[in-house]
N, C-alpha and C. Protein backbone atom coordinates (compact mmCIF):
# COMPACT_ATOMS: atom_id res chain seq x y z
N UNK A 1 99.79 98.68 131.13
CA UNK A 1 99.16 97.44 130.77
C UNK A 1 97.81 97.38 131.49
N UNK A 2 96.85 96.75 130.86
CA UNK A 2 95.54 96.66 131.51
C UNK A 2 95.55 95.55 132.57
N UNK A 3 94.49 95.50 133.35
CA UNK A 3 94.48 94.56 134.48
C UNK A 3 94.50 93.11 134.03
N UNK A 4 93.85 92.80 132.92
CA UNK A 4 93.85 91.42 132.43
C UNK A 4 95.27 90.99 132.06
N UNK A 5 95.98 91.83 131.34
CA UNK A 5 97.36 91.51 130.98
C UNK A 5 98.25 91.42 132.22
N UNK A 6 98.04 92.30 133.18
CA UNK A 6 98.86 92.32 134.39
C UNK A 6 98.68 91.04 135.21
N UNK A 7 97.52 90.42 135.13
CA UNK A 7 97.30 89.19 135.90
C UNK A 7 98.28 88.09 135.52
N UNK A 8 98.77 88.12 134.29
CA UNK A 8 99.72 87.09 133.84
C UNK A 8 101.08 87.20 134.53
N UNK A 9 101.31 88.30 135.22
CA UNK A 9 102.58 88.48 135.92
C UNK A 9 102.65 87.70 137.23
N UNK A 10 101.51 87.15 137.66
CA UNK A 10 101.43 86.45 138.94
C UNK A 10 101.08 84.98 138.72
N UNK A 11 101.77 84.13 139.43
CA UNK A 11 101.48 82.69 139.37
C UNK A 11 100.18 82.41 140.12
N UNK A 12 99.51 81.35 139.73
CA UNK A 12 98.32 80.93 140.47
C UNK A 12 98.68 80.63 141.92
N UNK A 13 97.75 80.97 142.80
CA UNK A 13 97.89 80.76 144.25
C UNK A 13 99.19 81.35 144.81
N UNK A 14 99.52 82.58 144.36
CA UNK A 14 100.75 83.21 144.81
C UNK A 14 100.53 84.54 145.55
N UNK A 15 99.28 85.01 145.62
CA UNK A 15 99.02 86.34 146.15
C UNK A 15 98.16 86.27 147.41
N UNK A 16 98.53 87.05 148.42
CA UNK A 16 97.80 87.07 149.69
C UNK A 16 96.63 88.05 149.69
N UNK A 17 96.76 89.15 148.96
CA UNK A 17 95.73 90.19 148.96
C UNK A 17 95.64 90.82 147.58
N UNK A 18 94.41 90.92 147.07
CA UNK A 18 94.16 91.61 145.80
C UNK A 18 93.10 92.66 146.05
N UNK A 19 93.37 93.88 145.62
CA UNK A 19 92.43 94.98 145.76
C UNK A 19 91.97 95.39 144.36
N UNK A 20 90.69 95.15 144.05
CA UNK A 20 90.14 95.45 142.74
C UNK A 20 89.50 96.84 142.76
N UNK A 21 90.06 97.74 141.99
CA UNK A 21 89.52 99.10 141.88
C UNK A 21 89.96 99.67 140.53
N UNK A 22 89.46 99.06 139.47
CA UNK A 22 89.83 99.49 138.12
C UNK A 22 88.55 99.86 137.37
N UNK A 23 88.28 99.20 136.25
CA UNK A 23 87.06 99.48 135.50
C UNK A 23 85.82 99.17 136.31
N UNK A 24 84.78 99.96 136.12
CA UNK A 24 83.56 99.80 136.90
C UNK A 24 82.41 99.19 136.08
N UNK A 25 82.68 98.89 134.83
CA UNK A 25 81.67 98.24 133.99
C UNK A 25 81.66 96.75 134.29
N UNK A 26 80.49 96.15 134.13
CA UNK A 26 80.31 94.73 134.43
C UNK A 26 81.38 93.86 133.80
N UNK A 27 81.60 94.00 132.50
CA UNK A 27 82.56 93.14 131.81
C UNK A 27 83.98 93.32 132.34
N UNK A 28 84.35 94.54 132.71
CA UNK A 28 85.69 94.79 133.26
C UNK A 28 85.87 94.09 134.61
N UNK A 29 84.87 94.23 135.47
CA UNK A 29 84.95 93.62 136.80
C UNK A 29 84.92 92.10 136.69
N UNK A 30 84.06 91.58 135.83
CA UNK A 30 83.99 90.13 135.64
C UNK A 30 85.33 89.59 135.14
N UNK A 31 85.97 90.29 134.21
CA UNK A 31 87.28 89.87 133.71
C UNK A 31 88.31 89.86 134.83
N UNK A 32 88.28 90.88 135.70
CA UNK A 32 89.20 90.90 136.84
C UNK A 32 88.95 89.71 137.76
N UNK A 33 87.69 89.39 138.01
CA UNK A 33 87.36 88.25 138.86
C UNK A 33 87.89 86.96 138.24
N UNK A 34 87.64 86.76 136.96
CA UNK A 34 88.06 85.55 136.27
C UNK A 34 89.59 85.41 136.27
N UNK A 35 90.29 86.52 136.02
CA UNK A 35 91.74 86.45 135.90
C UNK A 35 92.49 86.48 137.23
N UNK A 36 91.90 87.10 138.25
CA UNK A 36 92.63 87.24 139.51
C UNK A 36 92.24 86.24 140.58
N UNK A 37 91.05 85.69 140.56
CA UNK A 37 90.67 84.72 141.59
C UNK A 37 91.65 83.54 141.65
N UNK A 38 92.11 83.00 140.52
CA UNK A 38 93.08 81.89 140.61
C UNK A 38 94.42 82.30 141.22
N UNK A 39 94.71 83.58 141.27
CA UNK A 39 95.99 84.05 141.80
C UNK A 39 96.02 84.04 143.33
N UNK A 40 94.84 83.96 143.95
CA UNK A 40 94.75 83.99 145.41
C UNK A 40 95.26 82.71 146.05
N UNK A 41 96.08 82.86 147.09
CA UNK A 41 96.47 81.72 147.91
C UNK A 41 95.26 81.29 148.74
N UNK A 42 95.19 80.02 149.12
CA UNK A 42 94.14 79.62 150.06
C UNK A 42 94.24 80.45 151.34
N UNK A 43 93.10 80.91 151.81
CA UNK A 43 93.06 81.73 153.01
C UNK A 43 93.32 83.21 152.77
N UNK A 44 93.47 83.59 151.52
CA UNK A 44 93.77 84.99 151.21
C UNK A 44 92.50 85.78 150.90
N UNK A 45 92.66 87.06 150.61
CA UNK A 45 91.54 87.99 150.50
C UNK A 45 91.57 88.77 149.19
N UNK A 46 90.37 88.97 148.62
CA UNK A 46 90.19 89.85 147.48
C UNK A 46 89.16 90.90 147.88
N UNK A 47 89.52 92.17 147.73
CA UNK A 47 88.64 93.28 148.06
C UNK A 47 88.18 93.97 146.79
N UNK A 48 86.92 94.41 146.79
CA UNK A 48 86.35 95.14 145.66
C UNK A 48 85.87 96.49 146.15
N UNK A 49 86.44 97.56 145.59
CA UNK A 49 85.99 98.89 145.93
C UNK A 49 84.77 99.24 145.07
N UNK A 50 83.99 100.19 145.53
CA UNK A 50 82.83 100.72 144.79
C UNK A 50 81.72 99.70 144.58
N UNK A 51 81.54 98.80 145.53
CA UNK A 51 80.44 97.84 145.48
C UNK A 51 79.21 98.52 146.08
N UNK A 52 78.57 99.33 145.25
CA UNK A 52 77.42 100.13 145.70
C UNK A 52 76.54 100.47 144.49
N UNK A 53 75.35 100.95 144.77
CA UNK A 53 74.37 101.23 143.71
C UNK A 53 74.89 102.22 142.67
N UNK A 54 75.76 103.12 143.06
CA UNK A 54 76.34 104.09 142.13
C UNK A 54 77.10 103.39 141.00
N UNK A 55 77.61 102.19 141.27
CA UNK A 55 78.38 101.40 140.31
C UNK A 55 77.74 100.03 140.14
N UNK A 56 76.62 99.95 139.42
CA UNK A 56 75.91 98.67 139.30
C UNK A 56 76.72 97.57 138.63
N UNK A 57 77.65 97.92 137.77
CA UNK A 57 78.47 96.90 137.11
C UNK A 57 79.31 96.13 138.09
N UNK A 58 79.84 96.83 139.09
CA UNK A 58 80.65 96.17 140.11
C UNK A 58 79.78 95.21 140.91
N UNK A 59 78.63 95.70 141.37
CA UNK A 59 77.72 94.88 142.17
C UNK A 59 77.26 93.65 141.39
N UNK A 60 76.88 93.84 140.13
CA UNK A 60 76.38 92.73 139.31
C UNK A 60 77.45 91.66 139.11
N UNK A 61 78.67 92.09 138.81
CA UNK A 61 79.74 91.12 138.55
C UNK A 61 80.04 90.29 139.80
N UNK A 62 80.11 90.93 140.95
CA UNK A 62 80.37 90.21 142.19
C UNK A 62 79.25 89.21 142.46
N UNK A 63 78.01 89.64 142.27
CA UNK A 63 76.87 88.76 142.51
C UNK A 63 76.80 87.63 141.48
N UNK A 64 76.95 87.95 140.21
CA UNK A 64 76.81 86.95 139.15
C UNK A 64 77.94 85.92 139.14
N UNK A 65 79.09 86.28 139.66
CA UNK A 65 80.20 85.34 139.73
C UNK A 65 80.16 84.53 141.02
N UNK A 66 79.14 84.74 141.81
CA UNK A 66 78.92 83.97 143.05
C UNK A 66 80.11 84.00 143.99
N UNK A 67 80.70 85.16 144.14
CA UNK A 67 81.79 85.29 145.10
C UNK A 67 81.22 85.44 146.50
N UNK A 68 81.49 84.48 147.32
CA UNK A 68 81.05 84.58 148.71
C UNK A 68 81.80 85.72 149.37
N UNK A 69 81.12 86.43 150.24
CA UNK A 69 81.78 87.51 150.94
C UNK A 69 80.78 88.41 151.61
N UNK A 70 81.27 89.60 151.98
CA UNK A 70 80.43 90.53 152.69
C UNK A 70 80.98 91.94 152.55
N UNK A 71 80.11 92.92 152.78
CA UNK A 71 80.55 94.30 152.87
C UNK A 71 81.25 94.47 154.22
N UNK A 72 82.45 94.98 154.20
CA UNK A 72 83.18 95.19 155.45
C UNK A 72 83.30 96.68 155.77
N UNK A 73 82.91 97.52 154.84
CA UNK A 73 82.86 98.98 155.00
C UNK A 73 81.94 99.47 153.89
N UNK A 74 81.45 100.68 153.99
CA UNK A 74 80.58 101.17 152.91
C UNK A 74 81.28 101.02 151.56
N UNK A 75 80.68 100.29 150.68
CA UNK A 75 81.12 100.04 149.29
C UNK A 75 82.36 99.15 149.16
N UNK A 76 82.82 98.49 150.22
CA UNK A 76 84.00 97.64 150.14
C UNK A 76 83.61 96.18 150.41
N UNK A 77 83.62 95.36 149.33
CA UNK A 77 83.26 93.95 149.42
C UNK A 77 84.52 93.12 149.67
N UNK A 78 84.41 92.16 150.56
CA UNK A 78 85.53 91.31 150.91
C UNK A 78 85.19 89.86 150.61
N UNK A 79 86.03 89.22 149.79
CA UNK A 79 85.93 87.79 149.49
C UNK A 79 87.16 87.11 150.06
N UNK A 80 86.96 86.04 150.80
CA UNK A 80 88.09 85.27 151.34
C UNK A 80 88.09 83.89 150.69
N UNK A 81 89.21 83.55 150.11
CA UNK A 81 89.34 82.23 149.48
C UNK A 81 89.55 81.18 150.56
N UNK A 82 88.67 80.22 150.60
CA UNK A 82 88.72 79.21 151.65
C UNK A 82 89.74 78.13 151.33
N UNK A 83 89.71 77.59 150.13
CA UNK A 83 90.67 76.54 149.80
C UNK A 83 91.14 76.66 148.40
């Protein structure tokens, strides 16, 4: 099953950690952000692999969706859900 379909297996605000490392095209990453961000519990973390110039779609989606966060390792973006 693709990542969008798999997101339906989780209730909103039920997941402590999500690691995004699937499609690297802008639309794929944006879809993962849209479908998985609601699944995060308050205070939980979403990580994005390949957030680097080699994968501009990943970088663009993270930036355009206004996900607050920071690089915590080379190419690894960390977003923490505050509330």
